Amino acid sequence: MTVDTFAHRVEVAYRAKTEEELAELVADLPAAGPSRPEPSPGPRGLTRARDALSKLWQRPEQRGPALEIEVRLPRSAEAVTVGRSHDCDVVVGEATVSRFHAELRHGEDDEWTIRDLGSTNGTWLNGSPVREARVFRGDVLRLGGLRLELRL
């Protein structure tokens, strides 16, 4: 997630007047797990919103285990899109992945490049946020809560 996105969500949380507005703000975040009790709501549910927003600021490797999938990229493909939308080449059912999250593009000399498509939670390459970067065999991508180890 970019700093701008985080700042926007904080502004919206401060202006929220109902718990429904706060719920919409954090709807794309993972729910509390069974080992972590749901915090009791503070005034206008701000405690829950604060806790949810604090998760957004964490680097992906601090967020806990991620969903892992294996995707085989055909050498004949020019580009492969990843996201929740059924219009993507690789469709994932992970709430923290944007509808059109990222694109893997196949270039000359069998090179691959990852490009973030304006996702909410960002695209991370080996623990660092990227907008576009060349990727290599063994690199680890995180798209929201999705972990992809590249075996190009």
N, C-alpha and C. Protein backbone atom coordinates (compact mmCIF):
# COMPACT_ATOMS: atom_id res chain seq x y z
N MET A 1 0.84 -1.16 0.00
CA MET A 1 0.00 0.00 0.00
C MET A 1 0.89 1.22 0.00
N THR A 2 0.51 2.19 -0.78
CA THR A 2 1.30 3.41 -0.83
C THR A 2 1.00 4.28 0.38
N VAL A 3 1.90 5.20 0.65
CA VAL A 3 1.70 6.14 1.76
C VAL A 3 0.46 6.99 1.48
N ASP A 4 0.25 7.36 0.22
CA ASP A 4 -0.92 8.17 -0.14
C ASP A 4 -2.23 7.42 0.16
N THR A 5 -2.26 6.12 -0.17
CA THR A 5 -3.45 5.32 0.10
C THR A 5 -3.70 5.23 1.60
N PHE A 6 -2.63 5.00 2.35
CA PHE A 6 -2.76 4.92 3.81
C PHE A 6 -3.29 6.25 4.36
N ALA A 7 -2.69 7.36 3.93
CA ALA A 7 -3.11 8.68 4.42
C ALA A 7 -4.58 8.94 4.08
N HIS A 8 -4.99 8.54 2.88
CA HIS A 8 -6.40 8.72 2.49
C HIS A 8 -7.32 7.93 3.41
N ARG A 9 -6.95 6.68 3.71
CA ARG A 9 -7.80 5.86 4.58
C ARG A 9 -7.87 6.45 5.99
N VAL A 10 -6.78 7.01 6.48
CA VAL A 10 -6.80 7.63 7.80
C VAL A 10 -7.75 8.83 7.79
N GLU A 11 -7.68 9.66 6.74
CA GLU A 11 -8.58 10.80 6.63
C GLU A 11 -10.05 10.37 6.61
N VAL A 12 -10.35 9.34 5.84
CA VAL A 12 -11.72 8.83 5.76
C VAL A 12 -12.17 8.30 7.13
N ALA A 13 -11.26 7.62 7.84
CA ALA A 13 -11.61 7.10 9.17
C ALA A 13 -11.93 8.24 10.13
N TYR A 14 -11.17 9.31 10.09
CA TYR A 14 -11.44 10.44 10.97
C TYR A 14 -12.78 11.10 10.66
N ARG A 15 -13.17 11.12 9.39
CA ARG A 15 -14.44 11.75 9.00
C ARG A 15 -15.64 10.84 9.16
N ALA A 16 -15.40 9.55 9.38
CA ALA A 16 -16.50 8.58 9.46
C ALA A 16 -17.46 8.94 10.59
N LYS A 17 -18.74 8.77 10.31
CA LYS A 17 -19.76 9.07 11.31
C LYS A 17 -20.49 7.81 11.77
N THR A 18 -20.35 6.73 11.02
CA THR A 18 -21.04 5.49 11.38
C THR A 18 -20.07 4.32 11.30
N GLU A 19 -20.43 3.24 11.97
CA GLU A 19 -19.62 2.03 11.89
C GLU A 19 -19.66 1.43 10.49
N GLU A 20 -20.75 1.66 9.76
CA GLU A 20 -20.85 1.16 8.39
C GLU A 20 -19.80 1.81 7.50
N GLU A 21 -19.56 3.12 7.69
CA GLU A 21 -18.53 3.79 6.90
C GLU A 21 -17.15 3.22 7.20
N LEU A 22 -16.91 2.91 8.47
CA LEU A 22 -15.63 2.31 8.84
C LEU A 22 -15.51 0.89 8.29
N ALA A 23 -16.60 0.15 8.33
CA ALA A 23 -16.58 -1.22 7.81
C ALA A 23 -16.24 -1.23 6.33
N GLU A 24 -16.79 -0.28 5.56
CA GLU A 24 -16.47 -0.19 4.13
C GLU A 24 -14.99 0.12 3.92
N LEU A 25 -14.44 0.93 4.81
CA LEU A 25 -13.05 1.35 4.69
C LEU A 25 -12.08 0.18 4.86
N VAL A 26 -12.44 -0.80 5.69
CA VAL A 26 -11.54 -1.91 5.98
C VAL A 26 -12.06 -3.24 5.41
N ALA A 27 -13.05 -3.19 4.53
CA ALA A 27 -13.66 -4.42 4.00
C ALA A 27 -12.68 -5.29 3.24
N ASP A 28 -11.64 -4.71 2.64
CA ASP A 28 -10.68 -5.50 1.87
C ASP A 28 -9.56 -6.09 2.71
N LEU A 29 -9.61 -5.87 4.03
CA LEU A 29 -8.57 -6.40 4.92
C LEU A 29 -8.98 -7.75 5.46
N PRO A 30 -8.00 -8.62 5.78
CA PRO A 30 -8.34 -9.92 6.36
C PRO A 30 -9.01 -9.75 7.72
N ALA A 31 -9.95 -10.63 8.02
CA ALA A 31 -10.65 -10.59 9.30
C ALA A 31 -9.73 -11.09 10.41
N ALA A 32 -10.09 -10.78 11.66
CA ALA A 32 -9.30 -11.26 12.81
C ALA A 32 -9.36 -12.78 12.83
N GLY A 33 -8.24 -13.42 13.11
CA GLY A 33 -8.18 -14.88 13.16
C GLY A 33 -8.73 -15.40 14.47
N PRO A 34 -8.91 -16.73 14.58
CA PRO A 34 -9.48 -17.32 15.79
C PRO A 34 -8.61 -17.13 17.03
N SER A 35 -7.29 -16.99 16.85
CA SER A 35 -6.42 -16.83 18.01
C SER A 35 -6.38 -15.39 18.50
N ARG A 36 -6.93 -14.48 17.71
CA ARG A 36 -6.92 -13.07 18.08
C ARG A 36 -8.35 -12.60 18.24
N PRO A 37 -8.78 -12.27 19.45
CA PRO A 37 -10.15 -11.83 19.64
C PRO A 37 -10.41 -10.49 18.98
N GLU A 38 -11.63 -10.30 18.52
CA GLU A 38 -12.04 -9.03 17.93
C GLU A 38 -12.03 -7.97 19.02
N PRO A 39 -11.37 -6.82 18.81
CA PRO A 39 -11.34 -5.78 19.84
C PRO A 39 -12.73 -5.20 20.05
N SER A 40 -12.97 -4.78 21.27
CA SER A 40 -14.27 -4.15 21.55
C SER A 40 -14.26 -2.77 20.91
N PRO A 41 -15.39 -2.39 20.30
CA PRO A 41 -15.41 -1.11 19.60
C PRO A 41 -15.33 0.05 20.57
N GLY A 42 -14.55 1.04 20.19
CA GLY A 42 -14.47 2.27 20.97
C GLY A 42 -15.53 3.22 20.47
N PRO A 43 -15.35 4.49 20.72
CA PRO A 43 -16.33 5.46 20.23
C PRO A 43 -16.47 5.36 18.72
N ARG A 44 -17.68 5.14 18.27
CA ARG A 44 -18.02 5.03 16.85
C ARG A 44 -17.18 3.97 16.14
N GLY A 45 -16.74 2.94 16.86
CA GLY A 45 -15.99 1.85 16.24
C GLY A 45 -14.58 2.22 15.83
N LEU A 46 -14.03 3.30 16.37
CA LEU A 46 -12.71 3.76 15.94
C LEU A 46 -11.59 2.80 16.34
N THR A 47 -11.79 2.06 17.44
CA THR A 47 -10.75 1.11 17.86
C THR A 47 -10.54 0.06 16.78
N ARG A 48 -11.62 -0.48 16.24
CA ARG A 48 -11.52 -1.50 15.19
C ARG A 48 -10.87 -0.91 13.95
N ALA A 49 -11.26 0.29 13.58
CA ALA A 49 -10.68 0.93 12.40
C ALA A 49 -9.20 1.20 12.60
N ARG A 50 -8.82 1.67 13.79
CA ARG A 50 -7.41 1.94 14.07
C ARG A 50 -6.59 0.65 13.95
N ASP A 51 -7.11 -0.45 14.52
CA ASP A 51 -6.40 -1.72 14.45
C ASP A 51 -6.28 -2.20 13.00
N ALA A 52 -7.35 -2.05 12.24
CA ALA A 52 -7.32 -2.48 10.84
C ALA A 52 -6.34 -1.63 10.04
N LEU A 53 -6.34 -0.33 10.27
CA LEU A 53 -5.42 0.55 9.54
C LEU A 53 -3.98 0.27 9.93
N SER A 54 -3.73 -0.11 11.18
CA SER A 54 -2.36 -0.41 11.59
C SER A 54 -1.83 -1.62 10.83
N LYS A 55 -2.71 -2.56 10.45
CA LYS A 55 -2.28 -3.71 9.65
C LYS A 55 -1.80 -3.27 8.27
N LEU A 56 -2.41 -2.21 7.74
CA LEU A 56 -2.05 -1.74 6.41
C LEU A 56 -0.62 -1.22 6.37
N TRP A 57 -0.13 -0.69 7.47
CA TRP A 57 1.18 -0.07 7.51
C TRP A 57 2.28 -1.11 7.61
N GLN A 58 1.93 -2.34 7.96
CA GLN A 58 2.93 -3.38 8.10
C GLN A 58 3.46 -3.81 6.74
N ARG A 59 4.74 -4.12 6.71
CA ARG A 59 5.31 -4.69 5.50
C ARG A 59 4.71 -6.08 5.31
N PRO A 60 4.60 -6.58 4.09
CA PRO A 60 3.96 -7.88 3.86
C PRO A 60 4.53 -9.01 4.69
N GLU A 61 5.85 -9.03 4.90
CA GLU A 61 6.44 -10.13 5.65
C GLU A 61 6.06 -10.10 7.13
N GLN A 62 5.50 -8.98 7.62
CA GLN A 62 5.07 -8.87 9.01
C GLN A 62 3.61 -9.25 9.19
N ARG A 63 2.89 -9.48 8.12
CA ARG A 63 1.46 -9.71 8.20
C ARG A 63 1.08 -11.15 8.49
N GLY A 64 2.02 -12.02 8.59
CA GLY A 64 1.69 -13.42 8.84
C GLY A 64 1.71 -14.22 7.57
N PRO A 65 1.30 -15.49 7.65
CA PRO A 65 1.39 -16.37 6.50
C PRO A 65 0.51 -15.87 5.35
N ALA A 66 1.02 -16.04 4.16
CA ALA A 66 0.29 -15.62 2.97
C ALA A 66 -0.23 -16.84 2.23
N LEU A 67 -1.22 -16.61 1.41
CA LEU A 67 -1.72 -17.64 0.53
C LEU A 67 -0.64 -17.92 -0.51
N GLU A 68 -0.38 -19.19 -0.78
CA GLU A 68 0.63 -19.55 -1.77
C GLU A 68 -0.03 -20.34 -2.89
N ILE A 69 0.32 -20.00 -4.13
CA ILE A 69 -0.19 -20.74 -5.28
C ILE A 69 0.97 -21.00 -6.24
N GLU A 70 0.79 -21.95 -7.12
CA GLU A 70 1.78 -22.21 -8.16
C GLU A 70 1.13 -21.90 -9.50
N VAL A 71 1.81 -21.08 -10.27
CA VAL A 71 1.32 -20.70 -11.58
C VAL A 71 2.44 -20.96 -12.57
N ARG A 72 2.13 -21.69 -13.63
CA ARG A 72 3.11 -21.94 -14.68
C ARG A 72 2.86 -20.93 -15.80
N LEU A 73 3.89 -20.15 -16.10
CA LEU A 73 3.75 -19.12 -17.12
C LEU A 73 4.22 -19.68 -18.46
N PRO A 74 3.34 -19.68 -19.45
CA PRO A 74 3.74 -20.19 -20.77
C PRO A 74 4.74 -19.26 -21.44
N ARG A 75 5.77 -19.83 -22.02
CA ARG A 75 6.79 -19.01 -22.70
C ARG A 75 6.20 -18.24 -23.88
N SER A 76 5.09 -18.71 -24.40
CA SER A 76 4.48 -18.04 -25.54
C SER A 76 3.66 -16.81 -25.14
N ALA A 77 3.38 -16.65 -23.85
CA ALA A 77 2.56 -15.53 -23.40
C ALA A 77 3.35 -14.23 -23.42
N GLU A 78 2.72 -13.16 -23.92
CA GLU A 78 3.34 -11.84 -23.87
C GLU A 78 3.17 -11.23 -22.49
N ALA A 79 1.97 -11.40 -21.90
CA ALA A 79 1.69 -10.83 -20.59
C ALA A 79 0.68 -11.71 -19.88
N VAL A 80 0.79 -11.75 -18.55
CA VAL A 80 -0.12 -12.51 -17.71
C VAL A 80 -0.58 -11.59 -16.59
N THR A 81 -1.91 -11.37 -16.49
CA THR A 81 -2.44 -10.52 -15.43
C THR A 81 -2.87 -11.38 -14.25
N VAL A 82 -2.70 -10.82 -13.04
CA VAL A 82 -3.06 -11.51 -11.81
C VAL A 82 -4.00 -10.60 -11.01
N GLY A 83 -5.11 -11.17 -10.53
CA GLY A 83 -6.04 -10.39 -9.72
C GLY A 83 -7.28 -11.20 -9.39
N ARG A 84 -8.24 -10.53 -8.72
CA ARG A 84 -9.48 -11.20 -8.34
C ARG A 84 -10.50 -11.24 -9.47
N SER A 85 -10.36 -10.38 -10.47
CA SER A 85 -11.32 -10.32 -11.56
C SER A 85 -11.24 -11.58 -12.42
N HIS A 86 -12.39 -12.03 -12.87
CA HIS A 86 -12.43 -13.18 -13.77
C HIS A 86 -11.89 -12.85 -15.15
N ASP A 87 -11.62 -11.56 -15.41
CA ASP A 87 -11.00 -11.15 -16.67
C ASP A 87 -9.48 -11.28 -16.63
N CYS A 88 -8.89 -11.60 -15.47
CA CYS A 88 -7.45 -11.79 -15.36
C CYS A 88 -7.05 -13.17 -15.87
N ASP A 89 -5.80 -13.31 -16.25
CA ASP A 89 -5.30 -14.62 -16.69
C ASP A 89 -5.16 -15.57 -15.51
N VAL A 90 -4.72 -15.03 -14.35
CA VAL A 90 -4.61 -15.81 -13.12
C VAL A 90 -5.58 -15.17 -12.13
N VAL A 91 -6.66 -15.90 -11.81
CA VAL A 91 -7.70 -15.40 -10.91
C VAL A 91 -7.47 -15.98 -9.53
N VAL A 92 -7.39 -15.11 -8.52
CA VAL A 92 -7.19 -15.56 -7.15
C VAL A 92 -8.33 -15.05 -6.27
N GLY A 93 -8.73 -15.86 -5.32
CA GLY A 93 -9.80 -15.50 -4.40
C GLY A 93 -9.27 -14.99 -3.09
N GLU A 94 -8.34 -14.09 -3.12
CA GLU A 94 -7.74 -13.51 -1.91
C GLU A 94 -8.21 -12.06 -1.81
N ALA A 95 -8.88 -11.73 -0.71
CA ALA A 95 -9.50 -10.40 -0.56
C ALA A 95 -8.49 -9.26 -0.60
N THR A 96 -7.23 -9.50 -0.23
CA THR A 96 -6.24 -8.43 -0.21
C THR A 96 -5.60 -8.18 -1.57
N VAL A 97 -5.98 -8.98 -2.56
CA VAL A 97 -5.50 -8.80 -3.93
C VAL A 97 -6.53 -7.97 -4.68
N SER A 98 -6.07 -6.94 -5.39
CA SER A 98 -6.98 -6.09 -6.15
C SER A 98 -7.57 -6.85 -7.34
N ARG A 99 -8.66 -6.31 -7.90
CA ARG A 99 -9.30 -6.97 -9.04
C ARG A 99 -8.31 -7.15 -10.19
N PHE A 100 -7.56 -6.11 -10.52
CA PHE A 100 -6.47 -6.19 -11.49
C PHE A 100 -5.24 -5.72 -10.74
N HIS A 101 -4.48 -6.64 -10.17
CA HIS A 101 -3.42 -6.29 -9.23
C HIS A 101 -2.07 -6.06 -9.92
N ALA A 102 -1.63 -7.02 -10.73
CA ALA A 102 -0.30 -6.91 -11.33
C ALA A 102 -0.27 -7.63 -12.67
N GLU A 103 0.77 -7.32 -13.42
CA GLU A 103 0.97 -7.95 -14.71
C GLU A 103 2.41 -8.44 -14.80
N LEU A 104 2.57 -9.68 -15.22
CA LEU A 104 3.89 -10.22 -15.54
C LEU A 104 4.03 -10.16 -17.05
N ARG A 105 5.07 -9.46 -17.54
CA ARG A 105 5.26 -9.28 -18.98
C ARG A 105 6.52 -10.01 -19.41
N HIS A 106 6.37 -10.77 -20.50
CA HIS A 106 7.47 -11.56 -21.07
C HIS A 106 8.15 -10.72 -22.12
N GLY A 107 9.47 -10.53 -21.98
CA GLY A 107 10.22 -9.71 -22.93
C GLY A 107 11.21 -10.51 -23.73
N GLU A 108 12.11 -9.79 -24.36
CA GLU A 108 13.16 -10.42 -25.17
C GLU A 108 14.09 -11.23 -24.28
N ASP A 109 14.76 -12.18 -24.88
CA ASP A 109 15.74 -13.03 -24.18
C ASP A 109 15.13 -13.73 -22.97
N ASP A 110 13.83 -14.05 -23.05
CA ASP A 110 13.14 -14.80 -21.99
C ASP A 110 13.12 -14.06 -20.65
N GLU A 111 13.13 -12.73 -20.68
CA GLU A 111 13.07 -11.92 -19.46
C GLU A 111 11.62 -11.71 -19.05
N TRP A 112 11.38 -11.56 -17.73
CA TRP A 112 10.06 -11.27 -17.20
C TRP A 112 10.12 -10.01 -16.35
N THR A 113 9.05 -9.21 -16.43
CA THR A 113 8.93 -7.98 -15.66
C THR A 113 7.60 -7.99 -14.94
N ILE A 114 7.59 -7.55 -13.67
CA ILE A 114 6.35 -7.40 -12.91
C ILE A 114 5.98 -5.92 -12.93
N ARG A 115 4.69 -5.63 -13.09
CA ARG A 115 4.21 -4.24 -13.06
C ARG A 115 2.94 -4.19 -12.23
N ASP A 116 2.94 -3.32 -11.22
CA ASP A 116 1.75 -3.11 -10.41
C ASP A 116 0.72 -2.35 -11.25
N LEU A 117 -0.53 -2.75 -11.16
CA LEU A 117 -1.59 -2.13 -11.96
C LEU A 117 -2.44 -1.18 -11.13
N GLY A 118 -1.80 -0.44 -10.21
CA GLY A 118 -2.52 0.51 -9.37
C GLY A 118 -3.27 -0.18 -8.24
N SER A 119 -2.71 -1.25 -7.73
CA SER A 119 -3.37 -2.04 -6.69
C SER A 119 -3.47 -1.27 -5.37
N THR A 120 -4.40 -1.69 -4.53
CA THR A 120 -4.59 -1.07 -3.22
C THR A 120 -3.46 -1.42 -2.26
N ASN A 121 -3.09 -2.69 -2.19
CA ASN A 121 -2.10 -3.14 -1.22
C ASN A 121 -0.70 -3.28 -1.77
N GLY A 122 -0.49 -2.88 -3.00
CA GLY A 122 0.85 -2.85 -3.56
C GLY A 122 1.38 -4.18 -4.02
N THR A 123 2.47 -4.10 -4.76
CA THR A 123 3.20 -5.26 -5.25
C THR A 123 4.59 -5.19 -4.64
N TRP A 124 5.00 -6.29 -4.03
CA TRP A 124 6.28 -6.34 -3.31
C TRP A 124 7.16 -7.40 -3.96
N LEU A 125 8.41 -7.05 -4.19
CA LEU A 125 9.40 -7.97 -4.76
C LEU A 125 10.51 -8.16 -3.74
N ASN A 126 10.64 -9.39 -3.24
CA ASN A 126 11.66 -9.72 -2.25
C ASN A 126 11.64 -8.75 -1.06
N GLY A 127 10.44 -8.38 -0.61
CA GLY A 127 10.29 -7.54 0.58
C GLY A 127 10.29 -6.05 0.33
N SER A 128 10.44 -5.61 -0.90
CA SER A 128 10.45 -4.17 -1.22
C SER A 128 9.32 -3.83 -2.16
N PRO A 129 8.65 -2.71 -1.92
CA PRO A 129 7.56 -2.32 -2.82
C PRO A 129 8.10 -1.92 -4.19
N VAL A 130 7.39 -2.32 -5.24
CA VAL A 130 7.79 -1.97 -6.61
C VAL A 130 6.57 -1.55 -7.42
N ARG A 131 6.82 -0.70 -8.39
CA ARG A 131 5.79 -0.37 -9.38
C ARG A 131 6.05 -1.20 -10.64
N GLU A 132 7.34 -1.32 -10.98
CA GLU A 132 7.74 -2.14 -12.11
C GLU A 132 9.17 -2.57 -11.89
N ALA A 133 9.46 -3.84 -12.13
CA ALA A 133 10.82 -4.35 -11.92
C ALA A 133 11.01 -5.65 -12.68
N ARG A 134 12.24 -5.89 -13.07
CA ARG A 134 12.59 -7.16 -13.69
C ARG A 134 12.63 -8.23 -12.60
N VAL A 135 12.11 -9.41 -12.93
CA VAL A 135 12.09 -10.50 -11.95
C VAL A 135 12.90 -11.68 -12.48
N PHE A 136 13.38 -12.48 -11.53
CA PHE A 136 14.23 -13.62 -11.85
C PHE A 136 13.73 -14.85 -11.12
N ARG A 137 14.19 -16.01 -11.57
CA ARG A 137 13.87 -17.28 -10.91
C ARG A 137 14.24 -17.18 -9.42
N GLY A 138 13.31 -17.61 -8.56
CA GLY A 138 13.55 -17.59 -7.12
C GLY A 138 13.07 -16.34 -6.42
N ASP A 139 12.78 -15.27 -7.17
CA ASP A 139 12.24 -14.06 -6.55
C ASP A 139 10.90 -14.37 -5.89
N VAL A 140 10.58 -13.63 -4.84
CA VAL A 140 9.31 -13.80 -4.14
C VAL A 140 8.49 -12.53 -4.32
N LEU A 141 7.31 -12.70 -4.90
CA LEU A 141 6.36 -11.60 -5.07
C LEU A 141 5.28 -11.72 -4.01
N ARG A 142 4.84 -10.59 -3.51
CA ARG A 142 3.65 -10.56 -2.64
C ARG A 142 2.69 -9.55 -3.23
N LEU A 143 1.50 -10.03 -3.48
CA LEU A 143 0.41 -9.20 -3.97
C LEU A 143 -0.64 -9.26 -2.88
N GLY A 144 -0.70 -8.25 -2.03
CA GLY A 144 -1.57 -8.34 -0.86
C GLY A 144 -1.14 -9.53 -0.02
N GLY A 145 -2.07 -10.43 0.28
CA GLY A 145 -1.76 -11.62 1.06
C GLY A 145 -1.37 -12.82 0.23
N LEU A 146 -1.12 -12.62 -1.04
CA LEU A 146 -0.74 -13.71 -1.94
C LEU A 146 0.77 -13.73 -2.09
N ARG A 147 1.38 -14.90 -1.88
CA ARG A 147 2.83 -15.06 -2.03
C ARG A 147 3.09 -15.90 -3.27
N LEU A 148 3.94 -15.37 -4.16
CA LEU A 148 4.31 -16.08 -5.38
C LEU A 148 5.82 -16.23 -5.43
N GLU A 149 6.30 -17.47 -5.45
CA GLU A 149 7.73 -17.69 -5.65
C GLU A 149 7.92 -18.03 -7.12
N LEU A 150 8.74 -17.25 -7.79
CA LEU A 150 8.89 -17.39 -9.23
C LEU A 150 9.84 -18.51 -9.58
N ARG A 151 9.37 -19.38 -10.45
CA ARG A 151 10.18 -20.48 -10.97
C ARG A 151 10.21 -20.37 -12.48
N LEU A 152 10.74 -19.29 -12.96
CA LEU A 152 10.75 -18.99 -14.40
C LEU A 152 11.69 -19.89 -15.15
